[in-house]
């Protein structure tokens, strides 16, 4: 089982792993701090070499990058059993959240106790309700342009769209791949904001796999025998958006309950939080990609 903790810049931490020796020696890393954003397994390993009986292994680092500390038996699990794992005198959440204390709303609403899989499950629950999102790109003049688009597929955490390559949005994404995809459900007040990078792909096989008869209505038949508005139309392209960070609001109150809490907070001076603010961090996204974490559907 893999245990992870997110740490922010300049955080000091100490890994304390209690191991029970069984037999033989084990010279592979048991616990490893990894910088998943800048490359898999960057950083020093915690090694166990010929451990005898019970022994504490500690590691301390003061780094200037975002780290995910992960602890798991790596190979030869029969030799050692990890019996405990802790961070000694260190925060188990990012300093990003500590800085939010100046914003009491964010501090109250942010849920840092969920596992990556729980956050992904909550995200997919919202996306099943909100079929259409807003894809935002940046024009060559620096202005932001948004348009409503429905993802044709959500493969893992990648958002895939069918698009017309004759439109300005593909030119904008090729000039600046940084995009945002947002979703909002007025019935529940759930919202999602996906920051990521987009790639325009000319993949006819993939386009045919994602094609729907309803898509034809957005292309139209130009009557020239070539641009028929079907899956073989040369205007048809695939846009693949790879998230770099996903933030979303998960409502935990009904509309009536939320209204009551907001009204009460306005009177008492307490901060209203009729829901949870959740973030799937760059490190967690890299963890999903690097470990090929199975995603529940």
C-alpha atoms as a PDB file:
ATOM      1  CA  UNK A   1       0.000   0.000   0.000  1.00  0.00           C
ATOM      2  CA  UNK A   2       1.326   3.429  -0.963  1.00  0.00           C
ATOM      3  CA  UNK A   3       1.066   6.281   1.518  1.00  0.00           C
ATOM      4  CA  UNK A   4       1.621   9.843   0.312  1.00  0.00           C
ATOM      5  CA  UNK A   5       1.856  13.266   1.931  1.00  0.00           C
ATOM      6  CA  UNK A   6       1.977  16.556   0.045  1.00  0.00           C
ATOM      7  CA  UNK A   7       4.547  19.068   1.226  1.00  0.00           C
ATOM      8  CA  UNK A   8       4.988  22.630   0.067  1.00  0.00           C
ATOM      9  CA  UNK A   9       8.069  24.673  -0.662  1.00  0.00           C
ATOM     10  CA  UNK A  10      10.520  25.168   2.215  1.00  0.00           C
ATOM     11  CA  UNK A  11       8.787  22.620   4.459  1.00  0.00           C
ATOM     12  CA  UNK A  12      11.144  20.541   6.571  1.00  0.00           C
ATOM     13  CA  UNK A  13      10.139  16.984   7.167  1.00  0.00           C
ATOM     14  CA  UNK A  14      11.477  13.805   8.664  1.00  0.00           C
ATOM     15  CA  UNK A  15      10.428  10.372   7.542  1.00  0.00           C
ATOM     16  CA  UNK A  16      10.241   7.862  10.359  1.00  0.00           C
ATOM     17  CA  UNK A  17       9.724   4.310   9.206  1.00  0.00           C
ATOM     18  CA  UNK A  18       9.648   1.434  11.658  1.00  0.00           C
ATOM     19  CA  UNK A  19      10.661  -1.809  10.014  1.00  0.00           C
ATOM     20  CA  UNK A  20      10.449  -5.347  11.275  1.00  0.00           C
ATOM     21  CA  UNK A  21      13.312  -7.510  10.073  1.00  0.00           C
ATOM     22  CA  UNK A  22      12.372 -10.980   8.914  1.00  0.00           C
ATOM     23  CA  UNK A  23      15.275 -12.593   7.174  1.00  0.00           C
ATOM     24  CA  UNK A  24      18.266 -11.755   5.021  1.00  0.00           C
ATOM     25  CA  UNK A  25      19.197  -8.248   3.941  1.00  0.00           C
ATOM     26  CA  UNK A  26      17.431  -5.724   1.768  1.00  0.00           C
ATOM     27  CA  UNK A  27      19.381  -3.116  -0.182  1.00  0.00           C
ATOM     28  CA  UNK A  28      16.556  -1.505  -2.103  1.00  0.00           C
ATOM     29  CA  UNK A  29      14.871   1.737  -1.030  1.00  0.00           C
ATOM     30  CA  UNK A  30      11.932   1.259   1.301  1.00  0.00           C
ATOM     31  CA  UNK A  31      10.868   4.885   1.593  1.00  0.00           C
ATOM     32  CA  UNK A  32      11.538   7.590  -0.963  1.00  0.00           C
ATOM     33  CA  UNK A  33      10.862  11.325  -1.260  1.00  0.00           C
ATOM     34  CA  UNK A  34      10.035  12.044  -4.878  1.00  0.00           C
ATOM     35  CA  UNK A  35       9.602  15.166  -6.938  1.00  0.00           C
ATOM     36  CA  UNK A  36       6.956  13.959  -9.340  1.00  0.00           C
ATOM     37  CA  UNK A  37       6.554  17.290 -11.102  1.00  0.00           C
ATOM     38  CA  UNK A  38      10.157  17.576 -12.258  1.00  0.00           C
ATOM     39  CA  UNK A  39      10.940  13.949 -12.844  1.00  0.00           C
ATOM     40  CA  UNK A  40      10.176  10.584 -11.322  1.00  0.00           C
ATOM     41  CA  UNK A  41      12.323   9.669  -8.314  1.00  0.00           C
ATOM     42  CA  UNK A  42      14.411  12.820  -8.109  1.00  0.00           C
ATOM     43  CA  UNK A  43      15.848  13.163  -4.624  1.00  0.00           C
ATOM     44  CA  UNK A  44      17.628  10.957  -2.145  1.00  0.00           C
ATOM     45  CA  UNK A  45      16.413   7.537  -1.141  1.00  0.00           C
ATOM     46  CA  UNK A  46      16.091   6.083   2.300  1.00  0.00           C
ATOM     47  CA  UNK A  47      18.018   2.852   2.198  1.00  0.00           C
ATOM     48  CA  UNK A  48      17.863  -0.107   4.505  1.00  0.00           C
ATOM     49  CA  UNK A  49      21.010  -2.172   4.602  1.00  0.00           C
ATOM     50  CA  UNK A  50      21.083  -5.270   6.711  1.00  0.00           C
ATOM     51  CA  UNK A  51      18.606  -4.054   9.320  1.00  0.00           C
ATOM     52  CA  UNK A  52      18.626  -6.022  12.539  1.00  0.00           C
ATOM     53  CA  UNK A  53      15.543  -6.571  14.628  1.00  0.00           C
ATOM     54  CA  UNK A  54      13.653  -3.230  14.910  1.00  0.00           C
ATOM     55  CA  UNK A  55      15.206   0.054  13.905  1.00  0.00           C
ATOM     56  CA  UNK A  56      14.076   3.557  12.994  1.00  0.00           C
ATOM     57  CA  UNK A  57      15.191   4.988   9.679  1.00  0.00           C
ATOM     58  CA  UNK A  58      15.000   8.777   9.418  1.00  0.00           C
ATOM     59  CA  UNK A  59      15.519  11.203   6.588  1.00  0.00           C
ATOM     60  CA  UNK A  60      15.411  14.992   6.666  1.00  0.00           C
ATOM     61  CA  UNK A  61      15.572  17.465   3.812  1.00  0.00           C
ATOM     62  CA  UNK A  62      14.976  21.156   3.230  1.00  0.00           C
ATOM     63  CA  UNK A  63      14.168  21.415  -0.456  1.00  0.00           C
ATOM     64  CA  UNK A  64      12.898  24.258  -2.616  1.00  0.00           C
ATOM     65  CA  UNK A  65      10.527  22.188  -4.704  1.00  0.00           C
ATOM     66  CA  UNK A  66       7.143  20.634  -4.178  1.00  0.00           C
ATOM     67  CA  UNK A  67       7.543  17.081  -2.946  1.00  0.00           C
ATOM     68  CA  UNK A  68       5.329  14.107  -2.445  1.00  0.00           C
ATOM     69  CA  UNK A  69       6.686  11.774   0.209  1.00  0.00           C
ATOM     70  CA  UNK A  70       5.749   8.210  -0.601  1.00  0.00           C
ATOM     71  CA  UNK A  71       6.344   5.133   1.489  1.00  0.00           C
ATOM     72  CA  UNK A  72       5.908   1.607   0.256  1.00  0.00           C
ATOM     73  CA  UNK A  73       7.743  -1.732   0.289  1.00  0.00           C
ATOM     74  CA  UNK A  74       9.698  -1.926  -2.965  1.00  0.00           C
ATOM     75  CA  UNK A  75      10.514  -5.468  -3.962  1.00  0.00           C
ATOM     76  CA  UNK A  76      11.388  -8.326  -1.623  1.00  0.00           C
ATOM     77  CA  UNK A  77       8.403  -7.502   0.591  1.00  0.00           C
ATOM     78  CA  UNK A  78       8.962 -10.802   2.393  1.00  0.00           C
ATOM     79  CA  UNK A  79      12.102  -9.429   4.035  1.00  0.00           C
ATOM     80  CA  UNK A  80      10.662  -6.393   5.774  1.00  0.00           C
ATOM     81  CA  UNK A  81       7.289  -5.283   6.973  1.00  0.00           C
ATOM     82  CA  UNK A  82       6.594  -1.567   7.315  1.00  0.00           C
ATOM     83  CA  UNK A  83       4.830  -1.265  10.663  1.00  0.00           C
ATOM     84  CA  UNK A  84       4.603   2.518  10.967  1.00  0.00           C
ATOM     85  CA  UNK A  85       5.078   5.698   8.977  1.00  0.00           C
ATOM     86  CA  UNK A  86       5.023   9.248  10.263  1.00  0.00           C
ATOM     87  CA  UNK A  87       6.240  12.742   9.576  1.00  0.00           C
ATOM     88  CA  UNK A  88       7.996  14.040  12.686  1.00  0.00           C
ATOM     89  CA  UNK A  89       7.264  17.678  13.556  1.00  0.00           C
ATOM     90  CA  UNK A  90       6.217  18.512  10.030  1.00  0.00           C
ATOM     91  CA  UNK A  91       2.934  19.507   8.427  1.00  0.00           C
ATOM     92  CA  UNK A  92       1.053  16.804   6.541  1.00  0.00           C
ATOM     93  CA  UNK A  93      -0.387  19.325   4.121  1.00  0.00           C
ATOM     94  CA  UNK A  94       1.013  21.887   1.743  1.00  0.00           C
ATOM     95  CA  UNK A  95       2.072  25.328   2.890  1.00  0.00           C
ATOM     96  CA  UNK A  96      -0.248  26.477   0.129  1.00  0.00           C
ATOM     97  CA  UNK A  97      -3.095  25.725   2.495  1.00  0.00           C
ATOM     98  CA  UNK A  98      -1.359  27.385   5.453  1.00  0.00           C
ATOM     99  CA  UNK A  99      -1.179  30.629   3.522  1.00  0.00           C
ATOM    100  CA  UNK A 100      -4.935  30.472   3.084  1.00  0.00           C
ATOM    101  CA  UNK A 101      -5.431  31.358   6.760  1.00  0.00           C
ATOM    102  CA  UNK A 102      -5.569  34.979   5.636  1.00  0.00           C
ATOM    103  CA  UNK A 103      -8.606  33.969   3.566  1.00  0.00           C
ATOM    104  CA  UNK A 104     -10.936  32.341   6.133  1.00  0.00           C
ATOM    105  CA  UNK A 105     -13.422  31.205   3.485  1.00  0.00           C
ATOM    106  CA  UNK A 106     -10.795  29.160   1.647  1.00  0.00           C
ATOM    107  CA  UNK A 107      -9.287  27.923   4.912  1.00  0.00           C
ATOM    108  CA  UNK A 108     -12.673  26.714   6.177  1.00  0.00           C
ATOM    109  CA  UNK A 109     -13.804  25.156   2.912  1.00  0.00           C
ATOM    110  CA  UNK A 110     -10.583  23.424   1.838  1.00  0.00           C
ATOM    111  CA  UNK A 111     -10.624  19.683   2.461  1.00  0.00           C
ATOM    112  CA  UNK A 112      -7.076  18.295   2.679  1.00  0.00           C
ATOM    113  CA  UNK A 113      -7.990  14.926   4.181  1.00  0.00           C
ATOM    114  CA  UNK A 114      -9.188  13.181   1.039  1.00  0.00           C
ATOM    115  CA  UNK A 115      -7.087  10.668  -0.865  1.00  0.00           C
ATOM    116  CA  UNK A 116      -6.341  11.312  -4.555  1.00  0.00           C
ATOM    117  CA  UNK A 117      -8.846   8.610  -5.516  1.00  0.00           C
ATOM    118  CA  UNK A 118     -11.584  10.174  -3.366  1.00  0.00           C
ATOM    119  CA  UNK A 119     -10.973  13.543  -5.011  1.00  0.00           C
ATOM    120  CA  UNK A 120     -11.069  11.963  -8.453  1.00  0.00           C
ATOM    121  CA  UNK A 121     -14.334  10.186  -7.619  1.00  0.00           C
ATOM    122  CA  UNK A 122     -15.885  13.503  -6.508  1.00  0.00           C
ATOM    123  CA  UNK A 123     -14.699  15.173  -9.702  1.00  0.00           C
ATOM    124  CA  UNK A 124     -16.208  12.497 -11.927  1.00  0.00           C
ATOM    125  CA  UNK A 125     -19.479  12.699 -10.026  1.00  0.00           C
ATOM    126  CA  UNK A 126     -19.723  16.380 -10.980  1.00  0.00           C
ATOM    127  CA  UNK A 127     -18.693  15.780 -14.597  1.00  0.00           C
ATOM    128  CA  UNK A 128     -21.449  13.192 -14.993  1.00  0.00           C
ATOM    129  CA  UNK A 129     -23.968  15.912 -14.121  1.00  0.00           C
ATOM    130  CA  UNK A 130     -22.448  18.764 -16.137  1.00  0.00           C
ATOM    131  CA  UNK A 131     -22.019  17.495 -19.675  1.00  0.00           C
ATOM    132  CA  UNK A 132     -20.923  20.809 -21.190  1.00  0.00           C
ATOM    133  CA  UNK A 133     -17.959  22.924 -20.143  1.00  0.00           C
ATOM    134  CA  UNK A 134     -16.320  26.195 -21.158  1.00  0.00           C
ATOM    135  CA  UNK A 135     -12.979  25.894 -22.949  1.00  0.00           C
ATOM    136  CA  UNK A 136     -10.907  29.070 -22.545  1.00  0.00           C
ATOM    137  CA  UNK A 137      -7.902  29.935 -24.707  1.00  0.00           C
ATOM    138  CA  UNK A 138      -5.687  33.003 -25.019  1.00  0.00           C
ATOM    139  CA  UNK A 139      -5.667  34.927 -28.267  1.00  0.00           C
ATOM    140  CA  UNK A 140      -2.577  36.371 -29.903  1.00  0.00           C
ATOM    141  CA  UNK A 141      -3.582  39.799 -28.550  1.00  0.00           C
ATOM    142  CA  UNK A 142      -3.610  38.428 -24.999  1.00  0.00           C
ATOM    143  CA  UNK A 143      -7.389  38.415 -24.633  1.00  0.00           C
ATOM    144  CA  UNK A 144      -9.173  35.347 -23.265  1.00  0.00           C
ATOM    145  CA  UNK A 145     -11.745  33.608 -25.441  1.00  0.00           C
ATOM    146  CA  UNK A 146     -14.239  31.053 -24.096  1.00  0.00           C
ATOM    147  CA  UNK A 147     -16.695  28.773 -25.829  1.00  0.00           C
ATOM    148  CA  UNK A 148     -19.028  26.004 -24.693  1.00  0.00           C
ATOM    149  CA  UNK A 149     -17.800  22.521 -25.577  1.00  0.00           C
ATOM    150  CA  UNK A 150     -18.777  19.046 -24.442  1.00  0.00           C
ATOM    151  CA  UNK A 151     -15.898  16.601 -23.870  1.00  0.00           C
ATOM    152  CA  UNK A 152     -16.170  13.660 -26.240  1.00  0.00           C
ATOM    153  CA  UNK A 153     -14.190  11.531 -23.812  1.00  0.00           C
ATOM    154  CA  UNK A 154     -12.611  11.622 -20.355  1.00  0.00           C
ATOM    155  CA  UNK A 155      -9.732   9.171 -20.571  1.00  0.00           C
ATOM    156  CA  UNK A 156      -8.270   8.959 -17.089  1.00  0.00           C
ATOM    157  CA  UNK A 157      -7.958  12.662 -16.305  1.00  0.00           C
ATOM    158  CA  UNK A 158      -7.435  13.805 -19.900  1.00  0.00           C
ATOM    159  CA  UNK A 159     -10.233  15.811 -21.527  1.00  0.00           C
ATOM    160  CA  UNK A 160     -10.740  15.109 -25.230  1.00  0.00           C
ATOM    161  CA  UNK A 161     -12.824  17.233 -27.603  1.00  0.00           C
ATOM    162  CA  UNK A 162     -13.832  17.021 -31.258  1.00  0.00           C
ATOM    163  CA  UNK A 163     -13.157  20.388 -32.905  1.00  0.00           C
ATOM    164  CA  UNK A 164     -13.110  22.205 -36.225  1.00  0.00           C
ATOM    165  CA  UNK A 165      -9.487  22.951 -37.123  1.00  0.00           C
ATOM    166  CA  UNK A 166     -10.624  25.872 -39.277  1.00  0.00           C
ATOM    167  CA  UNK A 167     -11.692  27.787 -36.179  1.00  0.00           C
ATOM    168  CA  UNK A 168      -9.564  30.337 -34.334  1.00  0.00           C
ATOM    169  CA  UNK A 169      -9.368  28.244 -31.163  1.00  0.00           C
ATOM    170  CA  UNK A 170      -7.009  25.702 -32.737  1.00  0.00           C
ATOM    171  CA  UNK A 171      -4.706  28.501 -33.915  1.00  0.00           C
ATOM    172  CA  UNK A 172      -4.759  29.987 -30.415  1.00  0.00           C
ATOM    173  CA  UNK A 173      -3.909  26.662 -28.781  1.00  0.00           C
ATOM    174  CA  UNK A 174      -1.030  26.078 -31.148  1.00  0.00           C
ATOM    175  CA  UNK A 175       0.317  29.546 -30.303  1.00  0.00           C
ATOM    176  CA  UNK A 176      -0.288  29.152 -26.555  1.00  0.00           C
ATOM    177  CA  UNK A 177      -1.244  25.659 -25.310  1.00  0.00           C
ATOM    178  CA  UNK A 178      -2.262  26.856 -21.827  1.00  0.00           C
ATOM    179  CA  UNK A 179      -6.030  26.521 -21.455  1.00  0.00           C
ATOM    180  CA  UNK A 180      -8.761  26.286 -18.851  1.00  0.00           C
ATOM    181  CA  UNK A 181     -11.812  24.041 -18.914  1.00  0.00           C
ATOM    182  CA  UNK A 182     -14.596  24.914 -16.469  1.00  0.00           C
ATOM    183  CA  UNK A 183     -17.904  23.308 -15.535  1.00  0.00           C
ATOM    184  CA  UNK A 184     -20.829  24.540 -13.432  1.00  0.00           C
ATOM    185  CA  UNK A 185     -24.034  22.846 -12.327  1.00  0.00           C
ATOM    186  CA  UNK A 186     -26.666  25.401 -11.249  1.00  0.00           C
ATOM    187  CA  UNK A 187     -28.762  22.682  -9.631  1.00  0.00           C
ATOM    188  CA  UNK A 188     -26.156  21.800  -7.014  1.00  0.00           C
ATOM    189  CA  UNK A 189     -23.701  24.731  -7.331  1.00  0.00           C
ATOM    190  CA  UNK A 190     -20.898  22.253  -8.024  1.00  0.00           C
ATOM    191  CA  UNK A 191     -18.141  23.792 -10.139  1.00  0.00           C
ATOM    192  CA  UNK A 192     -14.870  22.585 -11.660  1.00  0.00           C
ATOM    193  CA  UNK A 193     -11.854  24.517 -12.951  1.00  0.00           C
ATOM    194  CA  UNK A 194      -9.239  22.592 -14.925  1.00  0.00           C
ATOM    195  CA  UNK A 195      -5.922  24.287 -15.732  1.00  0.00           C
ATOM    196  CA  UNK A 196      -3.954  22.423 -18.356  1.00  0.00           C
ATOM    197  CA  UNK A 197      -2.212  22.305 -21.698  1.00  0.00           C
ATOM    198  CA  UNK A 198      -3.919  21.506 -24.981  1.00  0.00           C
ATOM    199  CA  UNK A 199      -2.703  19.715 -28.058  1.00  0.00           C
ATOM    200  CA  UNK A 200      -4.458  19.705 -31.437  1.00  0.00           C
ATOM    201  CA  UNK A 201      -4.172  16.261 -33.012  1.00  0.00           C
ATOM    202  CA  UNK A 202      -4.961  15.176 -36.569  1.00  0.00           C
ATOM    203  CA  UNK A 203      -5.887  11.589 -35.718  1.00  0.00           C
ATOM    204  CA  UNK A 204      -8.656  10.266 -37.964  1.00  0.00           C
ATOM    205  CA  UNK A 205      -8.804   6.918 -36.176  1.00  0.00           C
ATOM    206  CA  UNK A 206      -9.276   8.606 -32.817  1.00  0.00           C
ATOM    207  CA  UNK A 207     -11.823  11.021 -34.295  1.00  0.00           C
ATOM    208  CA  UNK A 208     -13.879   8.117 -35.633  1.00  0.00           C
ATOM    209  CA  UNK A 209     -13.799   6.434 -32.216  1.00  0.00           C
ATOM    210  CA  UNK A 210     -15.168   9.591 -30.596  1.00  0.00           C
ATOM    211  CA  UNK A 211     -17.560  10.565 -33.370  1.00  0.00           C
ATOM    212  CA  UNK A 212     -21.256  11.076 -32.691  1.00  0.00           C
ATOM    213  CA  UNK A 213     -23.991  11.854 -35.250  1.00  0.00           C
ATOM    214  CA  UNK A 214     -24.825  14.949 -33.194  1.00  0.00           C
ATOM    215  CA  UNK A 215     -21.356  16.383 -33.918  1.00  0.00           C
ATOM    216  CA  UNK A 216     -22.196  16.714 -37.613  1.00  0.00           C
ATOM    217  CA  UNK A 217     -24.599  19.540 -36.804  1.00  0.00           C
ATOM    218  CA  UNK A 218     -21.637  21.734 -35.795  1.00  0.00           C
ATOM    219  CA  UNK A 219     -19.689  21.175 -39.026  1.00  0.00           C
ATOM    220  CA  UNK A 220     -22.306  21.200 -41.760  1.00  0.00           C
ATOM    221  CA  UNK A 221     -22.025  19.872 -45.312  1.00  0.00           C
ATOM    222  CA  UNK A 222     -20.323  22.464 -47.536  1.00  0.00           C
ATOM    223  CA  UNK A 223     -21.561  20.656 -50.656  1.00  0.00           C
ATOM    224  CA  UNK A 224     -18.139  20.267 -52.256  1.00  0.00           C
ATOM    225  CA  UNK A 225     -18.008  16.493 -51.824  1.00  0.00           C
ATOM    226  CA  UNK A 226     -15.073  16.800 -49.408  1.00  0.00           C
ATOM    227  CA  UNK A 227     -16.274  18.806 -46.443  1.00  0.00           C
ATOM    228  CA  UNK A 228     -19.336  16.689 -45.702  1.00  0.00           C
ATOM    229  CA  UNK A 229     -19.386  17.287 -41.963  1.00  0.00           C
ATOM    230  CA  UNK A 230     -18.779  13.610 -41.193  1.00  0.00           C
ATOM    231  CA  UNK A 231     -15.903  11.866 -39.411  1.00  0.00           C
ATOM    232  CA  UNK A 232     -13.851  11.894 -42.642  1.00  0.00           C
ATOM    233  CA  UNK A 233     -14.122  15.661 -43.043  1.00  0.00           C
ATOM    234  CA  UNK A 234     -10.583  17.181 -43.137  1.00  0.00           C
ATOM    235  CA  UNK A 235     -11.785  19.907 -40.737  1.00  0.00           C
ATOM    236  CA  UNK A 236     -12.272  17.352 -37.958  1.00  0.00           C
ATOM    237  CA  UNK A 237      -9.516  17.410 -35.316  1.00  0.00           C
ATOM    238  CA  UNK A 238      -9.070  16.105 -31.801  1.00  0.00           C
ATOM    239  CA  UNK A 239      -8.141  18.396 -28.913  1.00  0.00           C
ATOM    240  CA  UNK A 240      -6.488  16.673 -25.962  1.00  0.00           C
ATOM    241  CA  UNK A 241      -6.255  18.656 -22.707  1.00  0.00           C
ATOM    242  CA  UNK A 242      -3.790  17.393 -20.108  1.00  0.00           C
ATOM    243  CA  UNK A 243      -4.554  18.909 -16.667  1.00  0.00           C
ATOM    244  CA  UNK A 244      -1.785  20.514 -14.618  1.00  0.00           C
ATOM    245  CA  UNK A 245      -4.098  21.267 -11.679  1.00  0.00           C
ATOM    246  CA  UNK A 246      -7.798  20.696 -11.002  1.00  0.00           C
ATOM    247  CA  UNK A 247      -9.804  22.668  -8.454  1.00  0.00           C
ATOM    248  CA  UNK A 248     -13.449  22.042  -7.758  1.00  0.00           C
ATOM    249  CA  UNK A 249     -16.208  22.936  -5.337  1.00  0.00           C
ATOM    250  CA  UNK A 250     -18.304  20.060  -4.018  1.00  0.00           C
ATOM    251  CA  UNK A 251     -21.555  21.240  -2.446  1.00  0.00           C
ATOM    252  CA  UNK A 252     -22.504  19.466   0.781  1.00  0.00           C
ATOM    253  CA  UNK A 253     -25.771  21.353   1.322  1.00  0.00           C
ATOM    254  CA  UNK A 254     -28.997  21.660  -0.604  1.00  0.00           C
ATOM    255  CA  UNK A 255     -29.833  25.080  -2.007  1.00  0.00           C
ATOM    256  CA  UNK A 256     -32.132  25.719   0.949  1.00  0.00           C
ATOM    257  CA  UNK A 257     -29.531  24.494   3.432  1.00  0.00           C
ATOM    258  CA  UNK A 258     -26.849  26.647   1.818  1.00  0.00           C
ATOM    259  CA  UNK A 259     -29.091  29.721   1.930  1.00  0.00           C
ATOM    260  CA  UNK A 260     -29.805  29.140   5.627  1.00  0.00           C
ATOM    261  CA  UNK A 261     -26.099  28.735   6.452  1.00  0.00           C
ATOM    262  CA  UNK A 262     -25.118  31.847   4.496  1.00  0.00           C
ATOM    263  CA  UNK A 263     -27.830  33.890   6.207  1.00  0.00           C
ATOM    264  CA  UNK A 264     -26.778  32.627   9.639  1.00  0.00           C
ATOM    265  CA  UNK A 265     -23.116  33.369   8.912  1.00  0.00           C
ATOM    266  CA  UNK A 266     -23.980  36.911   7.859  1.00  0.00           C
ATOM    267  CA  UNK A 267     -25.557  37.438  11.289  1.00  0.00           C
ATOM    268  CA  UNK A 268     -22.985  35.642  13.453  1.00  0.00           C
ATOM    269  CA  UNK A 269     -19.880  36.741  11.538  1.00  0.00           C
ATOM    270  CA  UNK A 270     -18.776  33.146  11.034  1.00  0.00           C
ATOM    271  CA  UNK A 271     -17.546  32.034   7.636  1.00  0.00           C
ATOM    272  CA  UNK A 272     -20.082  30.089   5.580  1.00  0.00           C
ATOM    273  CA  UNK A 273     -18.853  26.966   3.849  1.00  0.00           C
ATOM    274  CA  UNK A 274     -21.795  24.966   2.490  1.00  0.00           C
ATOM    275  CA  UNK A 275     -19.402  22.761   0.587  1.00  0.00           C
ATOM    276  CA  UNK A 276     -15.796  21.697   0.132  1.00  0.00           C
ATOM    277  CA  UNK A 277     -13.017  23.181  -1.962  1.00  0.00           C
ATOM    278  CA  UNK A 278     -10.874  20.355  -3.299  1.00  0.00           C
ATOM    279  CA  UNK A 279      -7.645  20.478  -5.283  1.00  0.00           C
ATOM    280  CA  UNK A 280      -6.078  17.695  -7.316  1.00  0.00           C
ATOM    281  CA  UNK A 281      -2.512  18.953  -7.215  1.00  0.00           C
ATOM    282  CA  UNK A 282       0.169  18.693  -9.906  1.00  0.00           C
ATOM    283  CA  UNK A 283       1.901  16.118  -7.706  1.00  0.00           C
ATOM    284  CA  UNK A 284      -1.226  13.986  -7.442  1.00  0.00           C
ATOM    285  CA  UNK A 285      -1.840  14.222 -11.177  1.00  0.00           C
ATOM    286  CA  UNK A 286       1.746  13.087 -11.751  1.00  0.00           C
ATOM    287  CA  UNK A 287       1.198  10.299  -9.242  1.00  0.00           C
ATOM    288  CA  UNK A 288      -1.829   9.088 -11.187  1.00  0.00           C
ATOM    289  CA  UNK A 289       0.187   9.156 -14.409  1.00  0.00           C
ATOM    290  CA  UNK A 290       3.402   7.712 -12.958  1.00  0.00           C
ATOM    291  CA  UNK A 291       1.828   4.876 -10.988  1.00  0.00           C
ATOM    292  CA  UNK A 292      -0.987   4.257 -13.477  1.00  0.00           C
ATOM    293  CA  UNK A 293      -3.422   4.506 -10.593  1.00  0.00           C
ATOM    294  CA  UNK A 294      -6.654   2.699 -11.491  1.00  0.00           C
ATOM    295  CA  UNK A 295      -9.543   5.134 -11.772  1.00  0.00           C
ATOM    296  CA  UNK A 296     -12.949   3.986 -10.632  1.00  0.00           C
ATOM    297  CA  UNK A 297     -15.791   4.572 -13.064  1.00  0.00           C
END
